[in-house]
Amino acid sequence: MNLHRRQFLRLAAGAVALPAATRVARAQPYPSRPVRIVVPFAAGGGSDIVARLVGQWLSERLGQPFVIENRPGAGGIIATEVVARAPADGHTLLQVGTYNAINATVYDKLSFNFVHDIAPVASIYRLPGVMEVNPSFPAKSVSEFIGYTKVNPGKVTMASGGTGAVTHAFGELFKMMAGVDMTHVPYRGVGPALSDLLGGQVDVMFDTLAQSIEYIKAGKLRALAVTTATRVDALPDVPALAEFVPGYEAIAFQGMGAPWNTRPEIIDKLNSEINAGLTNPRLGARLAALGGTVLVGSAAEFKRFIADEMLKWAKVVKFAGIKAE
């Protein structure tokens, strides 16, 4: 009897201690170990650079390494799937971007639902696009380009980094709003598309400014317009597309996301620290040097921003009949 009684008391004591131990574990300061930021693209690109700048800032502020993990492939789907399946403890984060908003409509069947499986944490950055042509192309302005394209329907070739890519969607939005017909030429990535544009094998491309600005400044590409609603400081003499096509605006945004059930206090902490970085002159200047502007806001504001972007690009995807390859 005494043996059974002692066993019972030990079990009872363990049962009482278990909730206390759980509370202690939950009470550990965040982050309690290294955090990985999963980036959907290869190292060295604009998205990777932004993630590394923000990761370095968070490491300095929160006392744990924020390690970049590049998971390129399928236009951001592979990286998003990794984070959607990760534990919701704040130690796995996703670099969220325009590609997520576009993919939601381009792909009929995914192993995750972006809206339900990824919690917006903080907006970071917005980057303008640029409508650019090879210098040999006859049009020297957007007006001339539209006129030329309407006279030659289907003959103008539009390069992109792939079907459903941001560079593709920006061009399809232009086609929809300007009422022109161009032939889409998808490549396996922006690099090969840009190379053929430089070589004159294709006519026009809607690239992000960061990737093309040096070619534009060197005269190797002709910038017809930026894709933001107003002109940008990086190219002050280049008009905004909206000056020719009223209402046109297309930006590439970046931000941070986490698995859906991540605790609110973790999201709030990350949001606060990221916003502190965006308003810091040192980090802000390094982001501005990439040609874009910072996006400071709450997690709730970022959620609304993403919802608006998803609605916008859903209309473009349906108009153009874009389907995943």
Protein backbone atom coordinates (compact mmCIF):
# COMPACT_ATOMS: atom_id res chain seq x y z
CA MET A 1 0.00 0.00 0.00
CA ASN A 2 2.77 2.41 0.96
CA LEU A 3 4.48 1.77 -2.37
CA HIS A 4 1.30 2.50 -4.32
CA ARG A 5 0.68 5.60 -2.21
CA ARG A 6 4.20 6.93 -2.89
CA GLN A 7 3.75 6.33 -6.63
CA PHE A 8 0.45 8.17 -6.57
CA LEU A 9 1.96 11.13 -4.74
CA ARG A 10 4.84 11.37 -7.24
CA LEU A 11 2.39 11.32 -10.18
CA ALA A 12 0.17 13.89 -8.53
CA ALA A 13 3.14 16.15 -7.87
CA GLY A 14 4.21 15.83 -11.50
CA ALA A 15 0.72 16.70 -12.71
CA VAL A 16 0.71 19.84 -10.56
CA ALA A 17 4.18 20.85 -11.73
CA LEU A 18 3.42 20.38 -15.45
CA PRO A 19 1.29 23.52 -15.93
CA ALA A 20 3.83 25.50 -13.94
CA ALA A 21 6.64 24.24 -16.17
CA THR A 22 4.59 25.15 -19.26
CA ARG A 23 4.05 28.65 -17.89
CA VAL A 24 7.78 29.02 -17.28
CA ALA A 25 8.54 27.90 -20.85
CA ARG A 26 6.03 30.38 -22.23
CA ALA A 27 7.46 33.11 -20.06
CA GLN A 28 10.92 32.79 -21.64
CA PRO A 29 11.87 36.03 -23.36
CA TYR A 30 11.53 36.06 -27.14
CA PRO A 31 13.60 35.15 -29.02
CA SER A 32 15.12 32.37 -26.97
CA ARG A 33 17.26 30.96 -29.81
CA PRO A 34 18.30 31.89 -33.37
CA VAL A 35 15.50 32.96 -35.71
CA ARG A 36 15.45 32.06 -39.38
CA ILE A 37 14.03 34.40 -42.01
CA VAL A 38 13.02 32.36 -45.05
CA VAL A 39 13.57 34.31 -48.28
CA PRO A 40 11.88 33.05 -51.48
CA PHE A 41 14.76 34.05 -53.75
CA ALA A 42 18.45 33.35 -54.20
CA ALA A 43 21.16 35.21 -52.33
CA GLY A 44 22.37 38.49 -53.77
CA GLY A 45 19.12 39.83 -55.20
CA GLY A 46 17.14 42.83 -53.99
CA SER A 47 14.82 40.75 -51.80
CA ASP A 48 17.75 39.01 -50.18
CA ILE A 49 19.54 42.29 -49.47
CA VAL A 50 16.49 43.80 -47.75
CA ALA A 51 16.02 40.68 -45.63
CA ARG A 52 19.67 40.73 -44.55
CA LEU A 53 19.56 44.39 -43.61
CA VAL A 54 16.45 43.89 -41.48
CA GLY A 55 17.79 40.64 -40.05
CA GLN A 56 21.00 42.34 -38.96
CA TRP A 57 19.00 45.07 -37.26
CA LEU A 58 16.82 42.56 -35.40
CA SER A 59 19.89 40.59 -34.32
CA GLU A 60 21.41 43.70 -32.79
CA ARG A 61 18.18 44.69 -31.06
CA LEU A 62 16.96 41.32 -29.80
CA GLY A 63 20.21 39.59 -28.92
CA GLN A 64 19.77 36.46 -31.06
CA PRO A 65 20.98 35.77 -34.61
CA PHE A 66 18.37 36.30 -37.32
CA VAL A 67 19.66 33.94 -40.00
CA ILE A 68 18.66 34.24 -43.66
CA GLU A 69 17.58 30.98 -45.29
CA ASN A 70 17.19 31.25 -49.06
CA ARG A 71 14.50 28.93 -50.46
CA PRO A 72 14.10 29.97 -54.11
CA GLY A 73 11.68 28.31 -56.49
CA ALA A 74 8.10 28.38 -57.77
CA GLY A 75 7.74 32.14 -57.41
CA GLY A 76 7.81 32.12 -53.61
CA ILE A 77 5.63 29.05 -53.08
CA ILE A 78 8.40 26.82 -51.66
CA ALA A 79 9.45 29.37 -49.06
CA THR A 80 5.87 30.15 -48.06
CA GLU A 81 5.07 26.47 -47.61
CA VAL A 82 8.11 26.04 -45.32
CA VAL A 83 6.93 28.82 -43.01
CA ALA A 84 3.25 27.83 -43.13
CA ARG A 85 4.24 24.40 -41.75
CA ALA A 86 6.73 25.71 -39.16
CA PRO A 87 6.00 25.92 -35.41
CA ALA A 88 4.16 29.13 -34.55
CA ASP A 89 6.73 30.27 -32.00
CA GLY A 90 8.22 33.26 -33.81
CA HIS A 91 11.48 31.50 -34.60
CA THR A 92 10.63 31.00 -38.29
CA LEU A 93 9.64 34.08 -40.31
CA LEU A 94 8.79 34.65 -43.97
CA GLN A 95 9.80 37.48 -46.21
CA VAL A 96 6.40 38.38 -47.66
CA GLY A 97 6.07 40.17 -50.98
CA THR A 98 3.98 41.05 -54.02
CA TYR A 99 4.53 37.52 -55.32
CA ASN A 100 2.33 36.18 -52.50
CA ALA A 101 -0.52 38.48 -53.51
CA ILE A 102 -0.23 37.39 -57.15
CA ASN A 103 0.22 33.66 -56.47
CA ALA A 104 -3.04 33.51 -54.51
CA THR A 105 -4.93 33.78 -57.82
CA VAL A 106 -2.42 32.34 -60.30
CA TYR A 107 -2.33 28.95 -58.55
CA ASP A 108 -5.57 27.01 -58.14
CA LYS A 109 -4.19 24.39 -55.77
CA LEU A 110 -1.58 25.06 -53.11
CA SER A 111 -0.73 23.12 -49.98
CA PHE A 112 -1.39 26.27 -47.96
CA ASN A 113 -3.77 29.22 -47.92
CA PHE A 114 -1.69 32.39 -47.65
CA VAL A 115 -4.42 34.42 -45.95
CA HIS A 116 -5.17 31.73 -43.37
CA ASP A 117 -1.69 30.28 -42.83
CA ILE A 118 0.58 33.34 -42.73
CA ALA A 119 0.13 36.14 -40.19
CA PRO A 120 1.30 39.60 -41.33
CA VAL A 121 3.95 40.94 -38.94
CA ALA A 122 5.27 44.19 -40.44
CA SER A 123 5.55 45.99 -43.74
CA ILE A 124 9.10 46.96 -44.67
CA TYR A 125 9.63 48.36 -48.11
CA ARG A 126 8.00 49.41 -51.35
CA LEU A 127 9.96 49.40 -54.57
CA PRO A 128 8.90 51.08 -57.80
CA GLY A 129 8.98 49.34 -61.12
CA VAL A 130 10.14 50.87 -64.35
CA MET A 131 8.83 50.50 -67.89
CA GLU A 132 11.99 50.23 -69.98
CA VAL A 133 12.88 49.52 -73.58
CA ASN A 134 16.02 48.79 -75.53
CA PRO A 135 17.44 52.08 -76.88
CA SER A 136 16.88 50.83 -80.43
CA PHE A 137 13.10 50.71 -79.89
CA PRO A 138 11.43 53.52 -81.90
CA ALA A 139 9.24 54.91 -79.09
CA LYS A 140 10.83 57.51 -76.81
CA SER A 141 7.82 58.12 -74.56
CA VAL A 142 4.85 56.21 -73.18
CA SER A 143 2.52 58.03 -75.58
CA GLU A 144 4.66 57.02 -78.54
CA PHE A 145 4.89 53.47 -77.21
CA ILE A 146 1.10 53.15 -76.91
CA GLY A 147 0.65 54.57 -80.42
CA TYR A 148 3.25 52.24 -81.89
CA THR A 149 1.78 49.19 -80.15
CA LYS A 150 -1.75 49.95 -81.33
CA VAL A 151 -0.51 50.23 -84.90
CA ASN A 152 1.42 46.96 -84.49
CA PRO A 153 -0.83 44.77 -82.29
CA GLY A 154 0.87 41.64 -80.97
CA LYS A 155 4.22 42.50 -82.55
CA VAL A 156 5.79 44.18 -79.53
CA THR A 157 7.46 41.62 -77.24
CA MET A 158 7.24 42.02 -73.46
CA ALA A 159 9.83 40.14 -71.40
CA SER A 160 9.26 38.96 -67.83
CA GLY A 161 10.92 36.83 -65.18
CA GLY A 162 8.30 34.12 -65.72
CA THR A 163 4.57 33.54 -66.03
CA GLY A 164 2.85 35.05 -62.99
CA ALA A 165 6.00 36.86 -61.84
CA VAL A 166 5.84 40.44 -60.60
CA THR A 167 7.42 41.66 -63.84
CA HIS A 168 4.70 39.84 -65.79
CA ALA A 169 1.84 41.20 -63.68
CA PHE A 170 3.10 44.79 -63.98
CA GLY A 171 3.05 44.47 -67.77
CA GLU A 172 -0.37 42.87 -67.85
CA LEU A 173 -1.76 45.71 -65.75
CA PHE A 174 -0.41 48.13 -68.35
CA LYS A 175 -1.96 46.13 -71.18
CA MET A 176 -5.30 46.09 -69.39
CA MET A 177 -5.36 49.80 -68.58
CA ALA A 178 -3.77 51.13 -71.79
CA GLY A 179 -5.75 48.82 -74.07
CA VAL A 180 -2.72 47.51 -75.97
CA ASP A 181 -1.76 44.06 -77.20
CA MET A 182 1.79 42.79 -76.61
CA THR A 183 3.27 39.32 -76.84
CA HIS A 184 4.48 38.03 -73.49
CA VAL A 185 7.89 36.32 -73.49
CA PRO A 186 8.48 34.58 -70.13
CA TYR A 187 12.00 33.71 -68.98
CA ARG A 188 13.31 31.58 -66.12
CA GLY A 189 14.13 34.54 -63.93
CA VAL A 190 14.62 38.27 -64.31
CA GLY A 191 18.34 37.97 -65.11
CA PRO A 192 17.92 36.19 -68.47
CA ALA A 193 15.01 38.48 -69.40
CA LEU A 194 17.07 41.57 -68.65
CA SER A 195 19.98 40.17 -70.62
CA ASP A 196 17.84 39.71 -73.72
CA LEU A 197 16.33 43.18 -73.32
CA LEU A 198 19.83 44.64 -73.21
CA GLY A 199 20.69 42.62 -76.31
CA GLY A 200 17.62 43.77 -78.23
CA GLN A 201 16.02 40.33 -78.49
CA VAL A 202 12.86 41.67 -76.80
CA ASP A 203 11.32 45.14 -76.82
CA VAL A 204 10.03 46.10 -73.38
CA MET A 205 10.12 45.01 -69.77
CA PHE A 206 8.48 46.13 -66.52
CA ASP A 207 11.32 45.53 -64.10
CA THR A 208 11.87 46.60 -60.51
CA LEU A 209 13.92 49.78 -60.39
CA ALA A 210 16.68 48.35 -58.18
CA GLN A 211 17.65 45.77 -60.79
CA SER A 212 17.66 48.14 -63.77
CA ILE A 213 18.67 51.57 -62.52
CA GLU A 214 22.38 51.22 -63.30
CA TYR A 215 21.64 50.16 -66.89
CA ILE A 216 19.29 53.13 -67.25
CA LYS A 217 21.87 55.58 -65.90
CA ALA A 218 24.49 54.10 -68.23
CA GLY A 219 22.21 54.58 -71.25
CA LYS A 220 21.97 50.85 -71.94
CA LEU A 221 18.20 50.93 -71.37
CA ARG A 222 15.67 53.70 -71.94
CA ALA A 223 13.26 54.31 -69.06
CA LEU A 224 9.88 55.42 -70.37
CA ALA A 225 8.17 55.67 -66.98
CA VAL A 226 8.20 54.51 -63.39
CA THR A 227 5.25 52.44 -62.23
CA THR A 228 4.48 54.41 -59.08
CA ALA A 229 1.67 56.98 -58.95
CA THR A 230 4.21 59.83 -58.82
CA ARG A 231 7.80 60.35 -59.88
CA VAL A 232 10.62 58.94 -57.76
CA ASP A 233 13.74 60.65 -56.44
CA ALA A 234 16.05 58.03 -57.94
CA LEU A 235 14.96 59.02 -61.50
CA PRO A 236 13.45 62.51 -61.13
CA ASP A 237 13.34 63.20 -64.87
CA VAL A 238 11.44 60.00 -65.69
CA PRO A 239 7.65 60.47 -65.65
CA ALA A 240 5.19 58.27 -63.77
CA LEU A 241 3.08 55.94 -65.90
CA ALA A 242 0.00 57.47 -64.31
CA GLU A 243 0.77 60.68 -66.20
CA PHE A 244 -0.15 58.81 -69.38
CA VAL A 245 -2.41 56.04 -68.06
CA PRO A 246 -4.50 57.61 -65.26
CA GLY A 247 -4.78 55.40 -62.20
CA TYR A 248 -1.89 53.10 -63.07
CA GLU A 249 0.21 52.12 -60.07
CA ALA A 250 2.27 48.99 -59.49
CA ILE A 251 4.75 48.52 -56.67
CA ALA A 252 6.78 45.60 -55.41
CA PHE A 253 6.34 45.45 -51.65
CA GLN A 254 8.19 43.48 -49.01
CA GLY A 255 7.38 42.71 -45.41
CA MET A 256 7.58 40.06 -42.72
CA GLY A 257 5.16 37.25 -41.95
CA ALA A 258 4.96 34.37 -39.48
CA PRO A 259 2.99 31.12 -39.05
CA TRP A 260 -0.65 31.96 -38.40
CA ASN A 261 -0.98 31.10 -34.69
CA THR A 262 2.11 33.01 -33.60
CA ARG A 263 1.31 34.72 -30.29
CA PRO A 264 0.23 38.39 -30.57
CA GLU A 265 2.92 39.59 -28.16
CA ILE A 266 5.63 38.11 -30.43
CA ILE A 267 4.13 39.77 -33.50
CA ASP A 268 3.83 43.07 -31.64
CA LYS A 269 7.46 42.87 -30.52
CA LEU A 270 8.73 42.16 -34.02
CA ASN A 271 6.53 44.88 -35.50
CA SER A 272 7.83 47.42 -33.00
CA GLU A 273 11.48 46.53 -33.58
CA ILE A 274 11.15 46.51 -37.38
CA ASN A 275 9.43 49.90 -37.34
CA ALA A 276 12.20 51.23 -35.12
CA GLY A 277 14.68 50.09 -37.75
CA LEU A 278 12.75 51.66 -40.62
CA THR A 279 12.81 55.04 -38.87
CA ASN A 280 16.48 54.68 -37.95
CA PRO A 281 18.61 56.95 -40.19
CA ARG A 282 21.30 54.30 -40.71
CA LEU A 283 19.00 51.47 -41.83
CA GLY A 284 16.56 53.82 -43.57
CA ALA A 285 19.36 55.28 -45.69
CA ARG A 286 20.59 51.83 -46.73
CA LEU A 287 17.10 50.82 -47.81
CA ALA A 288 16.57 54.11 -49.65
CA ALA A 289 19.81 53.48 -51.57
CA LEU A 290 18.07 50.50 -53.19
CA GLY A 291 15.64 52.91 -54.87
CA GLY A 292 12.51 52.42 -52.77
CA THR A 293 10.80 53.81 -49.69
CA VAL A 294 10.13 52.28 -46.28
CA LEU A 295 6.63 51.20 -45.25
CA VAL A 296 6.07 51.84 -41.55
CA GLY A 297 2.85 50.55 -39.99
CA SER A 298 1.12 48.15 -37.65
CA ALA A 299 0.54 44.46 -38.34
CA ALA A 300 -3.16 45.23 -38.84
CA GLU A 301 -2.35 47.91 -41.41
CA PHE A 302 -0.05 45.50 -43.24
CA LYS A 303 -2.83 42.92 -43.29
CA ARG A 304 -5.20 45.43 -44.93
CA PHE A 305 -2.51 46.44 -47.41
CA ILE A 306 -1.97 42.80 -48.44
CA ALA A 307 -5.73 42.27 -48.83
CA ASP A 308 -5.94 45.28 -51.16
CA GLU A 309 -2.99 44.04 -53.22
CA MET A 310 -4.53 40.58 -53.53
CA LEU A 311 -7.79 42.04 -54.86
CA LYS A 312 -5.94 44.26 -57.31
CA TRP A 313 -3.76 41.50 -58.77
CA ALA A 314 -6.62 39.00 -58.85
CA LYS A 315 -8.34 41.29 -61.38
CA VAL A 316 -5.20 41.47 -63.50
CA VAL A 317 -4.59 37.71 -63.38
CA LYS A 318 -8.18 37.01 -64.45
CA PHE A 319 -8.09 39.65 -67.20
CA ALA A 320 -4.88 38.23 -68.65
CA GLY A 321 -5.86 34.60 -68.09
CA ILE A 322 -2.57 33.90 -66.30
CA LYS A 323 -2.22 30.26 -65.32
CA ALA A 324 0.62 28.54 -63.51
CA GLU A 325 2.94 26.66 -65.85
